[in-house]
Amino acid sequence: MRTIYGDYRGFKVFQQTNKYYAIHNDTDVGEHAFVICQGQLIEVLNTIDAYMDK
C-alpha cells in the first residue's frame, strides 16, 4: 500500500496493486464511513469531489 494523499478533502487516498482507494474516517463514529475503489486516481478524486460538493 502506497499513500498518495494523507488528507485530500478529509480522505486518505492510497494505491494497492493496480487500484486506488480512498477512506473517509468519521472520527465521531470511529469507523470508516465511506470507501471508494477505482482503477484510476482521477476517478477516485472526482468521486471525492462530487461527494464533498453535495
N, C-alpha and C. Protein backbone atom coordinates (compact mmCIF):
# COMPACT_ATOMS: atom_id res chain seq x y z
N MET A 1 0.84 -1.17 0.00
CA MET A 1 0.00 0.00 0.00
C MET A 1 0.90 1.24 0.00
N ARG A 2 0.59 2.15 -0.92
CA ARG A 2 1.35 3.39 -1.02
C ARG A 2 0.40 4.57 -0.85
N THR A 3 0.67 5.44 0.11
CA THR A 3 -0.18 6.60 0.34
C THR A 3 0.07 7.64 -0.74
N ILE A 4 -1.01 8.12 -1.36
CA ILE A 4 -0.94 9.16 -2.38
C ILE A 4 -1.20 10.52 -1.73
N TYR A 5 -2.29 10.61 -0.96
CA TYR A 5 -2.63 11.81 -0.20
C TYR A 5 -2.95 11.38 1.23
N GLY A 6 -2.35 12.05 2.19
CA GLY A 6 -2.66 11.77 3.58
C GLY A 6 -4.00 12.37 3.99
N ASP A 7 -4.34 13.50 3.35
CA ASP A 7 -5.61 14.15 3.67
C ASP A 7 -6.07 14.95 2.45
N TYR A 8 -6.85 14.34 1.59
CA TYR A 8 -7.45 15.01 0.45
C TYR A 8 -8.92 15.21 0.76
N ARG A 9 -9.27 16.42 1.15
CA ARG A 9 -10.66 16.77 1.48
C ARG A 9 -11.26 15.82 2.52
N GLY A 10 -10.42 15.39 3.47
CA GLY A 10 -10.89 14.52 4.54
C GLY A 10 -10.75 13.04 4.26
N PHE A 11 -10.15 12.69 3.13
CA PHE A 11 -9.95 11.29 2.77
C PHE A 11 -8.47 10.96 2.70
N LYS A 12 -8.14 9.74 3.10
CA LYS A 12 -6.80 9.20 2.86
C LYS A 12 -6.88 8.43 1.55
N VAL A 13 -6.03 8.79 0.59
CA VAL A 13 -6.01 8.14 -0.72
C VAL A 13 -4.73 7.32 -0.83
N PHE A 14 -4.88 6.07 -1.22
CA PHE A 14 -3.71 5.21 -1.36
C PHE A 14 -3.87 4.26 -2.55
N GLN A 15 -2.75 3.68 -2.94
CA GLN A 15 -2.72 2.73 -4.05
C GLN A 15 -2.29 1.38 -3.53
N GLN A 16 -3.03 0.36 -3.96
CA GLN A 16 -2.65 -1.01 -3.64
C GLN A 16 -2.81 -1.81 -4.93
N THR A 17 -1.74 -2.40 -5.37
CA THR A 17 -1.64 -3.08 -6.68
C THR A 17 -2.07 -2.10 -7.77
N ASN A 18 -3.06 -2.43 -8.57
CA ASN A 18 -3.45 -1.54 -9.68
C ASN A 18 -4.75 -0.79 -9.38
N LYS A 19 -5.14 -0.69 -8.13
CA LYS A 19 -6.36 0.02 -7.72
C LYS A 19 -6.02 1.17 -6.79
N TYR A 20 -6.86 2.19 -6.83
CA TYR A 20 -6.74 3.33 -5.92
C TYR A 20 -7.92 3.32 -4.97
N TYR A 21 -7.64 3.63 -3.72
CA TYR A 21 -8.66 3.61 -2.68
C TYR A 21 -8.66 4.94 -1.94
N ALA A 22 -9.84 5.31 -1.45
CA ALA A 22 -9.96 6.47 -0.57
C ALA A 22 -10.83 6.08 0.61
N ILE A 23 -10.37 6.42 1.78
CA ILE A 23 -11.11 6.10 3.00
C ILE A 23 -11.37 7.40 3.75
N HIS A 24 -12.63 7.63 4.06
CA HIS A 24 -13.03 8.78 4.87
C HIS A 24 -13.30 8.26 6.27
N ASN A 25 -12.54 8.75 7.21
CA ASN A 25 -12.70 8.28 8.58
C ASN A 25 -13.51 9.30 9.36
N ASP A 26 -14.70 8.91 9.78
CA ASP A 26 -15.56 9.74 10.60
C ASP A 26 -15.15 9.54 12.05
N THR A 27 -14.41 10.51 12.58
CA THR A 27 -13.85 10.33 13.92
C THR A 27 -14.92 10.31 15.00
N ASP A 28 -16.11 10.89 14.75
CA ASP A 28 -17.18 10.85 15.74
C ASP A 28 -17.69 9.42 15.94
N VAL A 29 -17.72 8.66 14.87
CA VAL A 29 -18.21 7.29 14.93
C VAL A 29 -17.06 6.33 15.22
N GLY A 30 -15.85 6.69 14.74
CA GLY A 30 -14.70 5.84 14.93
C GLY A 30 -14.61 4.71 13.93
N GLU A 31 -15.40 4.79 12.88
CA GLU A 31 -15.39 3.76 11.84
C GLU A 31 -15.16 4.43 10.49
N HIS A 32 -14.75 3.63 9.53
CA HIS A 32 -14.62 4.14 8.18
C HIS A 32 -16.01 4.36 7.62
N ALA A 33 -16.31 5.62 7.29
CA ALA A 33 -17.66 5.97 6.88
C ALA A 33 -17.90 5.76 5.39
N PHE A 34 -16.86 5.91 4.57
CA PHE A 34 -17.07 5.90 3.13
C PHE A 34 -15.79 5.43 2.46
N VAL A 35 -15.88 4.40 1.65
CA VAL A 35 -14.71 3.85 0.96
C VAL A 35 -14.96 3.87 -0.54
N ILE A 36 -13.97 4.36 -1.29
CA ILE A 36 -14.04 4.43 -2.75
C ILE A 36 -12.94 3.54 -3.31
N CYS A 37 -13.25 2.80 -4.35
CA CYS A 37 -12.24 1.98 -5.03
C CYS A 37 -12.43 2.15 -6.53
N GLN A 38 -11.37 2.58 -7.22
CA GLN A 38 -11.41 2.79 -8.66
C GLN A 38 -10.08 2.34 -9.28
N GLY A 39 -10.09 2.19 -10.58
CA GLY A 39 -8.90 1.78 -11.30
C GLY A 39 -7.96 2.93 -11.62
N GLN A 40 -8.47 4.18 -11.60
CA GLN A 40 -7.64 5.34 -11.91
C GLN A 40 -7.75 6.36 -10.79
N LEU A 41 -6.63 7.02 -10.51
CA LEU A 41 -6.59 8.03 -9.45
C LEU A 41 -7.58 9.16 -9.71
N ILE A 42 -7.68 9.63 -10.94
CA ILE A 42 -8.58 10.75 -11.25
C ILE A 42 -10.03 10.38 -10.96
N GLU A 43 -10.41 9.13 -11.15
CA GLU A 43 -11.77 8.69 -10.84
C GLU A 43 -12.03 8.77 -9.34
N VAL A 44 -11.06 8.40 -8.53
CA VAL A 44 -11.20 8.49 -7.09
C VAL A 44 -11.34 9.94 -6.66
N LEU A 45 -10.48 10.81 -7.19
CA LEU A 45 -10.53 12.22 -6.81
C LEU A 45 -11.83 12.87 -7.25
N ASN A 46 -12.31 12.54 -8.45
CA ASN A 46 -13.58 13.09 -8.92
C ASN A 46 -14.75 12.62 -8.06
N THR A 47 -14.71 11.37 -7.61
CA THR A 47 -15.76 10.84 -6.74
C THR A 47 -15.74 11.55 -5.39
N ILE A 48 -14.56 11.78 -4.84
CA ILE A 48 -14.45 12.52 -3.58
C ILE A 48 -15.00 13.93 -3.75
N ASP A 49 -14.61 14.60 -4.83
CA ASP A 49 -15.09 15.97 -5.08
C ASP A 49 -16.62 16.00 -5.19
N ALA A 50 -17.18 15.08 -5.92
CA ALA A 50 -18.65 15.04 -6.08
C ALA A 50 -19.33 14.77 -4.73
N TYR A 51 -18.76 13.88 -3.93
CA TYR A 51 -19.32 13.57 -2.61
C TYR A 51 -19.25 14.79 -1.70
N MET A 52 -18.12 15.49 -1.68
CA MET A 52 -17.93 16.62 -0.79
C MET A 52 -18.75 17.84 -1.23
N ASP A 53 -19.02 17.96 -2.52
CA ASP A 53 -19.74 19.12 -3.04
C ASP A 53 -21.26 18.97 -2.96
N LYS A 54 -21.75 17.83 -2.47
CA LYS A 54 -23.20 17.63 -2.33
C LYS A 54 -23.77 18.57 -1.31
